[in-house]
Amino acid sequence: MSRAVSVRTSPTAERGSRGLRLRGLVRKEFLEIIRDPSSIAIAFLLPVILLLIFGYGVSLDAEHLPIALVVDRPGPETAEFTAHFQRSPYFEPLLMLRMDEADQAMRERRVSAIVHLRSDFARRRRIGGAPIQIIVNGVDANTGRLLMGYVEGVWSRWLQQRGQEAGEPLDVPVGVQERVWFNSELESRNFLVPGLIAIIMTLIGALLTAMVMAREWERGTMEALLATPVAVWEILLGKLIPYFLLGTGGMILSVAMAVWLFGVPLRGSPAVLFAASTLFLLAALGMGMLISIVARNQFVAGQVAIIVTFLPAFILSGFLFDIRSMPVPLQFLTHIIPARYFVAILQTEFLAGEVPSVVWPNGLALLVMAMLFLGLSRLKSGKRLE
């Protein structure tokens, strides 16, 4: 007579076996990373390339703008006025003799504006008229507005200098005292580079995990994993941990380049910055893993990751374009973009320091996003082959 024997595993032994399985999965993934160094390139080489390209190539500062100076009747006053343009770092003035020549230069886009001093420049200035004519190429509206402000600044400084020399102070109804907070140098790079870190980490996080599950299905190794006692959450965690560490290394490299290469001040707490980066990286890795689980093809997963994560983060995160100036439907759409919240935290931590009313709400939003994408990845995963 046979007797059935049941074997019960203690909770301690079960936890120990889970720990061994998880360590084995993490070790397996690290070996995959070593054999295929594309993940290392994505984590460390891609941030360097993108930061160098965007950090040096993208700028909202308008400098060395080519303008045409047309003087109908040269004289001491016109020479003194045009000298201000020649000494300014914002202009590259070209002296022209006739307006038709300057007009042709603007049509050919050799100059961005024309400053015309008429023949009665000296006389009209003495009687308080407006003796200069400014014609601006408005194709690039932003550069056109900046150029108008620069020319008006040169004009105001010249009038003040002339008034001081003559002992007649310029009668200005309102005195303006400028104070620039947070970015006193008015360097657009200080604003762009922190936001660029969020865009880079979005791309890195999504790409690192977008290929993971799809690669397993393509190589046929997923079936072998599903046949083992390993739980689905252990498979996901075993893939998440190595790429989280890689992404953290890429984040540290990006922050180091921002501070020491581009000279962006870091006024906030590194601990707060690290905590926010952790939440954002988990959200980005969760997005990539969800794409990978659904796609099951490395090429498709990579393309979808770029379209679904990188492009919305680049356009709708506030990195380049102010969200408040977007149409209302797009403003609502930005709330589902994790990079929107991370850009706000980065720019605040780098330039303004600790602002709890900015850090806490955006950090909470990142926590919700991370839980959402990781939870969806778990729901879409299962020990099934279909």
Protein backbone atom coordinates (compact mmCIF):
# COMPACT_ATOMS: atom_id res chain seq x y z
CA MET A 1 0.00 0.00 0.00
CA SER A 2 1.51 3.27 -1.13
CA ARG A 3 1.31 6.42 0.89
CA ALA A 4 1.39 9.95 -0.58
CA VAL A 5 4.05 12.12 0.88
CA SER A 6 3.62 15.92 0.75
CA VAL A 7 6.61 18.19 1.03
CA ARG A 8 6.09 21.68 2.36
CA THR A 9 8.60 24.40 1.79
CA SER A 10 9.13 26.85 4.62
CA PRO A 11 8.64 30.58 3.89
CA THR A 12 12.31 31.18 4.65
CA ALA A 13 13.41 28.57 2.10
CA GLU A 14 10.97 29.97 -0.46
CA ARG A 15 12.34 33.47 0.01
CA GLY A 16 15.86 32.11 -0.32
CA SER A 17 15.04 30.33 -3.58
CA ARG A 18 13.42 33.48 -4.94
CA GLY A 19 16.53 35.43 -4.07
CA LEU A 20 18.71 32.88 -5.85
CA ARG A 21 16.49 32.95 -8.93
CA LEU A 22 16.51 36.75 -9.01
CA ARG A 23 20.28 36.90 -8.65
CA GLY A 24 20.59 34.39 -11.46
CA LEU A 25 18.34 36.44 -13.74
CA VAL A 26 20.24 39.65 -12.95
CA ARG A 27 23.56 37.90 -13.60
CA LYS A 28 22.21 36.51 -16.89
CA GLU A 29 21.18 40.01 -17.99
CA PHE A 30 24.56 41.48 -17.10
CA LEU A 31 26.23 38.75 -19.17
CA GLU A 32 23.94 39.65 -22.07
CA ILE A 33 25.01 43.30 -21.70
CA ILE A 34 28.68 42.32 -21.76
CA ARG A 35 28.21 40.12 -24.85
CA ASP A 36 26.17 42.81 -26.64
CA PRO A 37 27.73 46.21 -25.78
CA SER A 38 25.00 48.15 -27.59
CA SER A 39 23.28 48.69 -24.21
CA ILE A 40 26.48 50.20 -22.80
CA ALA A 41 26.70 52.47 -25.85
CA ILE A 42 23.09 53.58 -25.36
CA ALA A 43 23.66 54.29 -21.66
CA PHE A 44 27.00 56.11 -21.85
CA LEU A 45 27.92 57.00 -25.43
CA LEU A 46 24.51 58.29 -26.51
CA PRO A 47 24.28 60.92 -23.70
CA VAL A 48 27.73 62.27 -24.57
CA ILE A 49 26.92 62.59 -28.27
CA LEU A 50 23.49 64.16 -27.74
CA LEU A 51 24.72 66.57 -25.07
CA LEU A 52 27.58 67.72 -27.28
CA ILE A 53 25.33 68.16 -30.31
CA PHE A 54 22.45 69.86 -28.54
CA GLY A 55 24.50 71.65 -25.90
CA TYR A 56 26.70 73.38 -28.45
CA GLY A 57 24.39 73.29 -31.47
CA VAL A 58 21.06 74.46 -30.01
CA SER A 59 20.93 78.01 -28.70
CA LEU A 60 18.18 80.55 -28.19
CA ASP A 61 20.71 83.38 -27.97
CA ALA A 62 20.94 85.58 -31.05
CA GLU A 63 24.51 86.78 -31.56
CA HIS A 64 26.59 88.02 -34.50
CA LEU A 65 23.47 88.96 -36.43
CA PRO A 66 24.30 90.40 -39.87
CA ILE A 67 22.69 93.81 -40.40
CA ALA A 68 23.04 96.43 -43.12
CA LEU A 69 23.86 100.01 -42.07
CA VAL A 70 22.79 102.55 -44.69
CA VAL A 71 23.90 106.15 -44.01
CA ASP A 72 22.60 108.75 -46.46
CA ARG A 73 24.83 111.57 -45.21
CA PRO A 74 27.87 110.45 -43.17
CA GLY A 75 28.96 112.72 -40.35
CA PRO A 76 30.41 112.68 -36.83
CA GLU A 77 27.11 111.71 -35.22
CA THR A 78 26.33 108.92 -37.68
CA ALA A 79 29.89 107.57 -37.31
CA GLU A 80 29.55 107.59 -33.53
CA PHE A 81 26.19 105.85 -33.68
CA THR A 82 27.25 103.13 -36.13
CA ALA A 83 30.36 102.47 -34.01
CA HIS A 84 28.05 101.13 -31.28
CA PHE A 85 26.91 98.39 -33.64
CA GLN A 86 30.49 97.52 -34.55
CA ARG A 87 31.45 97.14 -30.89
CA SER A 88 28.41 95.04 -29.99
CA PRO A 89 28.73 91.22 -29.86
CA TYR A 90 25.16 90.91 -31.11
CA PHE A 91 25.76 92.40 -34.57
CA GLU A 92 27.93 91.95 -37.62
CA PRO A 93 27.27 95.26 -39.40
CA LEU A 94 27.80 95.72 -43.13
CA LEU A 95 28.10 99.32 -44.34
CA MET A 96 26.13 99.91 -47.55
CA LEU A 97 25.72 103.03 -49.63
CA ARG A 98 22.20 102.65 -51.00
CA MET A 99 18.89 101.27 -49.77
CA ASP A 100 18.33 99.22 -52.91
CA GLU A 101 21.62 97.42 -52.23
CA ALA A 102 20.58 96.70 -48.64
CA ASP A 103 17.12 95.59 -49.78
CA GLN A 104 18.67 93.11 -52.20
CA ALA A 105 20.96 91.80 -49.44
CA MET A 106 17.93 91.15 -47.22
CA ARG A 107 16.07 89.36 -50.01
CA GLU A 108 19.12 87.13 -50.47
CA ARG A 109 19.21 86.59 -46.66
CA ARG A 110 22.73 87.97 -46.39
CA VAL A 111 21.48 90.37 -43.69
CA SER A 112 18.71 90.03 -41.11
CA ALA A 113 17.86 93.72 -40.79
CA ILE A 114 18.49 97.16 -42.24
CA VAL A 115 19.24 100.22 -40.11
CA HIS A 116 18.72 103.32 -42.27
CA LEU A 117 20.01 106.73 -41.17
CA ARG A 118 18.41 109.38 -43.35
CA SER A 119 20.12 112.51 -44.54
CA ASP A 120 18.46 114.61 -41.81
CA PHE A 121 19.63 112.31 -39.01
CA ALA A 122 21.62 114.95 -37.09
CA ARG A 123 18.99 117.69 -37.40
CA ARG A 124 16.04 115.52 -36.41
CA ARG A 125 17.88 114.07 -33.44
CA ARG A 126 18.45 117.55 -32.02
CA ILE A 127 14.74 118.39 -32.23
CA GLY A 128 13.73 115.08 -30.63
CA GLY A 129 12.45 113.23 -33.70
CA ALA A 130 12.87 109.56 -34.66
CA PRO A 131 15.55 109.71 -37.35
CA ILE A 132 16.32 106.01 -37.82
CA GLN A 133 14.45 103.43 -39.84
CA ILE A 134 14.62 99.71 -38.90
CA ILE A 135 13.55 97.03 -41.37
CA VAL A 136 13.65 93.50 -39.96
CA ASN A 137 13.40 90.16 -41.74
CA GLY A 138 10.41 88.58 -39.99
CA VAL A 139 10.75 85.05 -41.40
CA ASP A 140 12.16 83.94 -38.04
CA ALA A 141 9.82 85.78 -35.68
CA ASN A 142 11.84 85.03 -32.55
CA THR A 143 15.12 86.30 -34.01
CA GLY A 144 13.28 89.32 -35.42
CA ARG A 145 11.96 90.29 -31.98
CA LEU A 146 15.37 89.84 -30.41
CA LEU A 147 17.00 91.93 -33.12
CA MET A 148 14.49 94.75 -32.64
CA GLY A 149 15.23 94.78 -28.92
CA TYR A 150 18.99 94.83 -29.53
CA VAL A 151 18.73 97.77 -31.95
CA GLU A 152 16.50 99.70 -29.55
CA GLY A 153 19.02 99.02 -26.79
CA VAL A 154 21.87 100.44 -28.90
CA TRP A 155 19.74 103.49 -29.70
CA SER A 156 18.86 104.12 -26.02
CA ARG A 157 22.47 103.77 -24.86
CA TRP A 158 23.67 106.13 -27.58
CA LEU A 159 21.08 108.77 -26.64
CA GLN A 160 22.06 108.50 -22.97
CA GLN A 161 25.73 108.86 -23.83
CA ARG A 162 25.05 111.92 -26.01
CA GLY A 163 22.94 113.49 -23.28
CA GLN A 164 25.65 113.00 -20.65
CA GLU A 165 28.30 114.50 -22.91
CA ALA A 166 26.10 117.54 -23.55
CA GLY A 167 25.11 117.87 -19.90
CA GLU A 168 21.50 117.21 -20.78
CA PRO A 169 20.27 114.00 -19.16
CA LEU A 170 17.87 111.97 -21.26
CA ASP A 171 14.28 112.59 -20.17
CA VAL A 172 12.90 109.10 -19.54
CA PRO A 173 9.42 109.00 -17.95
CA VAL A 174 10.00 105.59 -16.34
CA GLY A 175 13.30 104.45 -14.88
CA VAL A 176 13.90 100.72 -15.27
CA GLN A 177 16.19 98.80 -12.93
CA GLU A 178 16.73 95.30 -14.25
CA ARG A 179 17.15 92.31 -11.95
CA VAL A 180 17.46 88.86 -13.52
CA TRP A 181 16.82 85.94 -11.19
CA PHE A 182 18.11 82.36 -11.46
CA ASN A 183 19.93 82.83 -14.79
CA SER A 184 21.62 86.19 -14.39
CA GLU A 185 23.92 85.61 -17.38
CA LEU A 186 20.83 85.15 -19.60
CA GLU A 187 22.51 82.13 -21.17
CA SER A 188 20.00 79.93 -22.98
CA ARG A 189 22.38 77.00 -22.48
CA ASN A 190 21.71 77.12 -18.72
CA PHE A 191 18.02 76.64 -19.52
CA LEU A 192 18.38 74.11 -22.33
CA VAL A 193 20.94 71.67 -20.92
CA PRO A 194 18.91 70.61 -17.82
CA GLY A 195 15.87 70.02 -20.00
CA LEU A 196 18.03 68.17 -22.48
CA ILE A 197 19.01 65.71 -19.74
CA ALA A 198 15.34 64.74 -19.39
CA ILE A 199 15.03 64.20 -23.15
CA ILE A 200 18.18 62.07 -23.22
CA MET A 201 17.10 59.97 -20.26
CA THR A 202 13.70 59.42 -21.88
CA LEU A 203 15.38 58.03 -24.98
CA ILE A 204 17.94 56.01 -23.02
CA GLY A 205 15.42 54.50 -20.60
CA ALA A 206 12.96 53.56 -23.32
CA LEU A 207 15.59 52.11 -25.67
CA LEU A 208 17.37 50.13 -22.95
CA THR A 209 14.31 48.07 -22.12
CA ALA A 210 12.43 48.28 -25.44
CA MET A 211 14.77 45.68 -26.89
CA VAL A 212 14.87 43.36 -23.86
CA MET A 213 11.68 41.32 -23.97
CA ALA A 214 11.50 41.51 -27.77
CA ARG A 215 15.01 40.08 -27.98
CA GLU A 216 14.02 37.17 -25.77
CA TRP A 217 11.04 36.35 -28.00
CA GLU A 218 13.10 36.70 -31.19
CA ARG A 219 15.86 34.39 -29.93
CA GLY A 220 13.41 31.83 -28.56
CA THR A 221 14.80 32.06 -25.03
CA MET A 222 11.55 33.36 -23.58
CA GLU A 223 9.95 29.93 -23.94
CA ALA A 224 12.78 28.45 -21.88
CA LEU A 225 12.27 31.08 -19.17
CA LEU A 226 8.51 30.46 -19.07
CA ALA A 227 9.10 26.73 -18.58
CA THR A 228 11.06 27.36 -15.39
CA PRO A 229 9.60 27.99 -11.89
CA VAL A 230 10.56 31.66 -12.23
CA ALA A 231 7.63 34.01 -11.64
CA VAL A 232 6.77 36.71 -14.16
CA TRP A 233 7.57 39.49 -11.70
CA GLU A 234 11.00 37.93 -11.15
CA ILE A 235 11.65 37.97 -14.91
CA LEU A 236 10.66 41.63 -15.14
CA LEU A 237 12.66 42.61 -12.07
CA GLY A 238 15.67 40.66 -13.27
CA LYS A 239 15.65 42.69 -16.47
CA LEU A 240 14.80 46.00 -14.82
CA ILE A 241 17.64 46.08 -12.25
CA PRO A 242 20.62 45.91 -14.65
CA TYR A 243 19.20 48.54 -17.01
CA PHE A 244 18.25 50.76 -14.10
CA LEU A 245 21.88 50.70 -12.99
CA LEU A 246 23.03 51.46 -16.54
CA GLY A 247 20.55 54.32 -16.83
CA THR A 248 21.67 55.71 -13.46
CA GLY A 249 25.25 55.72 -14.71
CA GLY A 250 24.16 57.59 -17.83
CA MET A 251 22.27 60.09 -15.68
CA ILE A 252 25.30 60.75 -13.48
CA LEU A 253 27.43 61.23 -16.60
CA SER A 254 24.91 63.69 -18.05
CA VAL A 255 24.75 65.76 -14.85
CA ALA A 256 28.55 65.80 -14.61
CA MET A 257 28.82 67.07 -18.20
CA ALA A 258 26.18 69.73 -17.54
CA VAL A 259 28.01 71.07 -14.48
CA TRP A 260 31.67 70.73 -15.47
CA LEU A 261 31.59 70.95 -19.27
CA PHE A 262 28.77 73.40 -19.92
CA GLY A 263 29.09 75.30 -16.64
CA VAL A 264 25.41 75.04 -15.67
CA PRO A 265 25.05 75.86 -11.95
CA LEU A 266 23.55 73.16 -9.73
CA ARG A 267 21.90 75.12 -6.93
CA GLY A 268 19.61 72.40 -5.61
CA SER A 269 20.24 69.30 -3.55
CA PRO A 270 21.99 66.39 -5.33
CA ALA A 271 19.92 64.01 -3.17
CA VAL A 272 16.64 65.51 -4.40
CA LEU A 273 17.94 65.44 -7.96
CA PHE A 274 18.89 61.76 -7.58
CA ALA A 275 15.50 60.86 -6.11
CA ALA A 276 13.64 62.58 -8.95
CA SER A 277 15.95 60.96 -11.49
CA THR A 278 15.23 57.54 -9.98
CA LEU A 279 11.48 58.02 -10.32
CA PHE A 280 11.78 59.30 -13.87
CA LEU A 281 14.14 56.52 -14.91
CA LEU A 282 11.72 53.90 -13.54
CA ALA A 283 8.92 55.51 -15.56
CA ALA A 284 11.06 55.56 -18.72
CA LEU A 285 12.17 51.95 -18.23
CA GLY A 286 8.56 50.97 -17.62
CA MET A 287 7.50 52.59 -20.90
CA GLY A 288 10.24 50.79 -22.79
CA MET A 289 9.40 47.46 -21.18
CA LEU A 290 5.70 47.84 -22.00
CA ILE A 291 6.56 48.61 -25.63
CA SER A 292 8.88 45.62 -25.75
CA ILE A 293 6.26 43.24 -24.32
CA VAL A 294 3.63 44.36 -26.82
CA ALA A 295 5.89 44.54 -29.89
CA ARG A 296 7.93 41.29 -29.50
CA ASN A 297 10.19 42.55 -32.31
CA GLN A 298 13.38 44.52 -31.70
CA PHE A 299 13.10 46.71 -34.79
CA VAL A 300 9.44 47.56 -34.18
CA ALA A 301 10.08 48.13 -30.47
CA GLY A 302 12.95 50.52 -31.22
CA GLN A 303 10.92 52.53 -33.73
CA VAL A 304 7.89 52.72 -31.44
CA ALA A 305 10.09 53.78 -28.51
CA ILE A 306 11.47 56.72 -30.48
CA ILE A 307 8.06 57.82 -31.77
CA VAL A 308 6.09 57.32 -28.55
CA THR A 309 8.65 58.53 -26.00
CA PHE A 310 11.38 60.70 -27.54
CA LEU A 311 9.35 62.89 -29.91
CA PRO A 312 6.56 63.77 -27.41
CA ALA A 313 9.19 64.46 -24.75
CA PHE A 314 11.11 66.73 -27.12
CA ILE A 315 8.07 68.74 -28.23
CA LEU A 316 5.58 68.62 -25.35
CA SER A 317 7.75 68.64 -22.21
CA GLY A 318 8.48 72.37 -22.05
CA PHE A 319 12.12 71.70 -22.97
CA LEU A 320 12.02 74.08 -25.96
CA PHE A 321 8.46 75.36 -26.19
CA ASP A 322 6.53 76.98 -23.35
CA ILE A 323 3.57 74.75 -22.48
CA ARG A 324 1.41 77.76 -21.56
CA SER A 325 1.65 79.08 -25.14
CA MET A 326 0.40 75.81 -26.64
CA PRO A 327 -3.25 75.23 -27.60
CA VAL A 328 -5.39 74.08 -24.67
CA PRO A 329 -5.86 70.48 -25.97
CA LEU A 330 -2.08 70.08 -26.25
CA GLN A 331 -1.63 71.50 -22.76
CA PHE A 332 -3.87 68.72 -21.42
CA LEU A 333 -1.96 66.17 -23.50
CA THR A 334 1.33 67.18 -21.88
CA HIS A 335 0.10 65.82 -18.54
CA ILE A 336 0.64 62.25 -19.76
CA ILE A 337 4.25 62.97 -20.77
CA PRO A 338 6.60 62.02 -17.87
CA ALA A 339 9.35 64.27 -19.25
CA ARG A 340 7.16 67.32 -18.56
CA TYR A 341 7.47 66.78 -14.82
CA PHE A 342 11.15 65.88 -14.91
CA VAL A 343 12.05 68.95 -17.00
CA ALA A 344 10.35 71.18 -14.41
CA ILE A 345 12.30 69.55 -11.57
CA LEU A 346 15.63 69.67 -13.42
CA GLN A 347 15.38 73.32 -14.42
CA THR A 348 14.33 74.26 -10.88
CA GLU A 349 17.05 72.21 -9.17
CA PHE A 350 19.78 73.48 -11.46
CA LEU A 351 18.88 77.17 -11.67
CA ALA A 352 16.64 78.05 -8.70
CA GLY A 353 17.48 75.52 -5.99
CA GLU A 354 15.00 73.95 -3.61
CA VAL A 355 11.43 74.97 -4.47
CA PRO A 356 9.12 72.45 -2.71
CA SER A 357 6.01 73.70 -4.54
CA VAL A 358 7.67 72.61 -7.80
CA VAL A 359 9.58 69.51 -6.70
CA TRP A 360 6.89 67.73 -4.68
CA PRO A 361 3.92 67.85 -7.12
CA ASN A 362 6.09 66.91 -10.08
CA GLY A 363 7.86 64.19 -8.08
CA LEU A 364 4.48 62.74 -7.08
CA ALA A 365 3.41 62.76 -10.73
CA LEU A 366 6.59 60.86 -11.65
CA LEU A 367 5.87 58.30 -8.93
CA VAL A 368 2.37 57.75 -10.34
CA MET A 369 3.80 57.43 -13.87
CA ALA A 370 6.41 54.90 -12.77
CA MET A 371 3.81 52.79 -10.96
CA LEU A 372 1.46 53.02 -13.93
CA PHE A 373 3.91 51.87 -16.60
CA LEU A 374 5.51 49.18 -14.45
CA GLY A 375 2.05 47.94 -13.44
CA LEU A 376 0.90 47.80 -17.07
CA SER A 377 4.06 45.88 -17.95
CA ARG A 378 3.22 43.33 -15.25
CA LEU A 379 -0.38 43.03 -16.43
CA LYS A 380 0.63 42.53 -20.07
CA SER A 381 3.14 39.85 -19.10
CA GLY A 382 2.17 36.29 -18.35
CA LYS A 383 3.49 32.76 -18.42
CA ARG A 384 1.89 32.04 -21.78
CA LEU A 385 3.23 31.65 -25.29
CA GLU A 386 0.42 33.30 -27.23
